[in-house]
Amino acid sequence: MKSYQLGPKCTLTAAEAITANRFVAANGTHTVDIKAVGVALFDTANGDPISLQTEGFPVVEAGGTISAGNIVSMDADGKAVALTYDNVNDFIKACGIAIDAATDGTFLRVKLI
């Protein structure tokens, strides 16, 4: 399902190897502790410009079981995972809302937030 519904895009410099169809943080990594700013459109080598989709409904690789309607965040590899939260501060990590159901390694559309 690696198709794209393109919306506005931006570029960042990769601070590590970046994998397409995964969330990317503002620091140019797949770092889980930083909110994602978009989804990588292509695989990108460390130091090269990353093309990111920053709005709309990008296709993202799942890192676990996700149900349609789940709020998703990213794992340490930039994959979408269902957000678990104990308090309102956990919503800072929210990246989007799952449009499709998915399991680990499959692809789903996410409405970026």
Protein backbone atom coordinates (compact mmCIF):
# COMPACT_ATOMS: atom_id res chain seq x y z
CA MET A 1 0.00 0.00 0.00
CA LYS A 2 2.95 2.37 -0.41
CA SER A 3 0.98 5.07 -2.20
CA TYR A 4 0.93 8.73 -1.29
CA GLN A 5 -1.82 11.28 -0.92
CA LEU A 6 0.44 14.28 -1.06
CA GLY A 7 -0.14 17.44 0.90
CA PRO A 8 2.25 20.25 1.79
CA LYS A 9 5.86 19.17 2.09
CA CYS A 10 9.06 20.43 3.66
CA THR A 11 12.65 19.28 3.91
CA LEU A 12 14.99 18.71 6.85
CA THR A 13 18.53 17.40 7.01
CA ALA A 14 18.72 13.77 8.09
CA ALA A 15 20.67 13.26 11.32
CA GLU A 16 20.52 9.47 10.80
CA ALA A 17 19.41 7.08 8.06
CA ILE A 18 15.69 7.71 7.48
CA THR A 19 13.22 5.13 6.22
CA ALA A 20 10.33 6.07 3.91
CA ASN A 21 6.78 5.91 5.25
CA ARG A 22 7.89 6.57 8.82
CA PHE A 23 7.48 9.57 11.12
CA VAL A 24 10.38 12.01 11.40
CA ALA A 25 11.04 14.46 14.25
CA ALA A 26 12.20 18.06 13.82
CA ASN A 27 15.77 17.00 14.63
CA GLY A 28 15.91 14.80 11.49
CA THR A 29 15.61 11.47 13.29
CA HIS A 30 13.05 8.81 14.16
CA THR A 31 13.46 9.76 17.85
CA VAL A 32 10.47 8.64 19.89
CA ASP A 33 10.76 11.33 22.59
CA ILE A 34 10.27 14.21 20.14
CA LYS A 35 6.99 14.97 18.34
CA ALA A 36 6.98 14.08 14.66
CA VAL A 37 6.74 16.93 12.17
CA GLY A 38 5.97 14.77 9.14
CA VAL A 39 6.37 11.47 7.32
CA ALA A 40 9.39 10.64 5.14
CA LEU A 41 8.50 10.25 1.46
CA PHE A 42 11.74 8.46 0.54
CA ASP A 43 14.59 6.57 2.19
CA THR A 44 17.28 9.14 3.02
CA ALA A 45 20.94 8.79 4.00
CA ASN A 46 22.40 10.55 7.03
CA GLY A 47 23.25 14.15 6.09
CA ASP A 48 20.99 14.31 3.04
CA PRO A 49 17.75 16.35 2.74
CA ILE A 50 14.60 14.50 3.87
CA SER A 51 11.40 15.13 1.91
CA LEU A 52 8.51 15.14 4.39
CA GLN A 53 4.76 15.22 3.99
CA THR A 54 3.61 17.56 6.74
CA GLU A 55 -0.18 17.66 6.26
CA GLY A 56 -2.95 15.46 5.02
CA PHE A 57 -3.15 11.67 5.03
CA PRO A 58 0.30 10.10 4.53
CA VAL A 59 0.84 6.35 4.43
CA VAL A 60 2.82 5.19 7.47
CA GLU A 61 4.29 1.83 8.42
CA ALA A 62 2.76 0.32 11.56
CA GLY A 63 4.88 -0.82 14.50
CA GLY A 64 2.13 -2.85 16.17
CA THR A 65 -1.59 -3.49 16.09
CA ILE A 66 -3.58 -0.33 15.37
CA SER A 67 -7.35 0.05 15.04
CA ALA A 68 -9.00 2.63 12.80
CA GLY A 69 -9.65 5.70 14.93
CA ASN A 70 -6.72 5.14 17.31
CA ILE A 71 -4.56 8.13 18.12
CA VAL A 72 -1.03 7.20 17.05
CA SER A 73 2.45 8.25 18.06
CA MET A 74 5.79 6.97 16.78
CA ASP A 75 8.09 4.29 18.14
CA ALA A 76 11.90 4.44 18.19
CA ASP A 77 11.99 3.43 14.49
CA GLY A 78 9.45 6.07 13.40
CA LYS A 79 6.66 3.52 12.91
CA ALA A 80 3.09 4.34 13.92
CA VAL A 81 1.93 2.81 17.20
CA ALA A 82 -1.32 3.21 19.11
CA LEU A 83 -0.80 5.94 21.71
CA THR A 84 -1.18 4.81 25.29
CA TYR A 85 -1.66 7.58 27.78
CA ASP A 86 -2.02 7.99 31.50
CA ASN A 87 -2.50 11.75 31.62
CA VAL A 88 -3.14 14.68 29.32
CA ASN A 89 0.61 15.38 28.94
CA ASP A 90 1.00 12.11 27.00
CA PHE A 91 -0.99 13.66 24.14
CA ILE A 92 2.08 15.78 23.33
CA LYS A 93 3.40 12.67 21.57
CA ALA A 94 0.30 12.34 19.35
CA CYS A 95 1.18 12.35 15.65
CA GLY A 96 -2.16 11.54 14.06
CA ILE A 97 -5.36 9.54 13.89
CA ALA A 98 -5.39 6.13 12.20
CA ILE A 99 -7.75 6.01 9.21
CA ASP A 100 -7.13 2.30 8.63
CA ALA A 101 -6.48 -0.71 10.85
CA ALA A 102 -2.98 -2.19 10.60
CA THR A 103 -0.61 -4.71 12.14
CA ASP A 104 3.17 -4.62 12.58
CA GLY A 105 4.94 -4.07 9.25
CA THR A 106 1.80 -3.20 7.26
CA PHE A 107 0.81 0.28 6.09
CA LEU A 108 -2.05 2.58 7.04
CA ARG A 109 -3.24 6.09 6.31
CA VAL A 110 -2.90 8.57 9.14
CA LYS A 111 -4.53 11.99 9.45
CA LEU A 112 -1.65 14.13 10.73
CA ILE A 113 -2.37 16.34 13.74
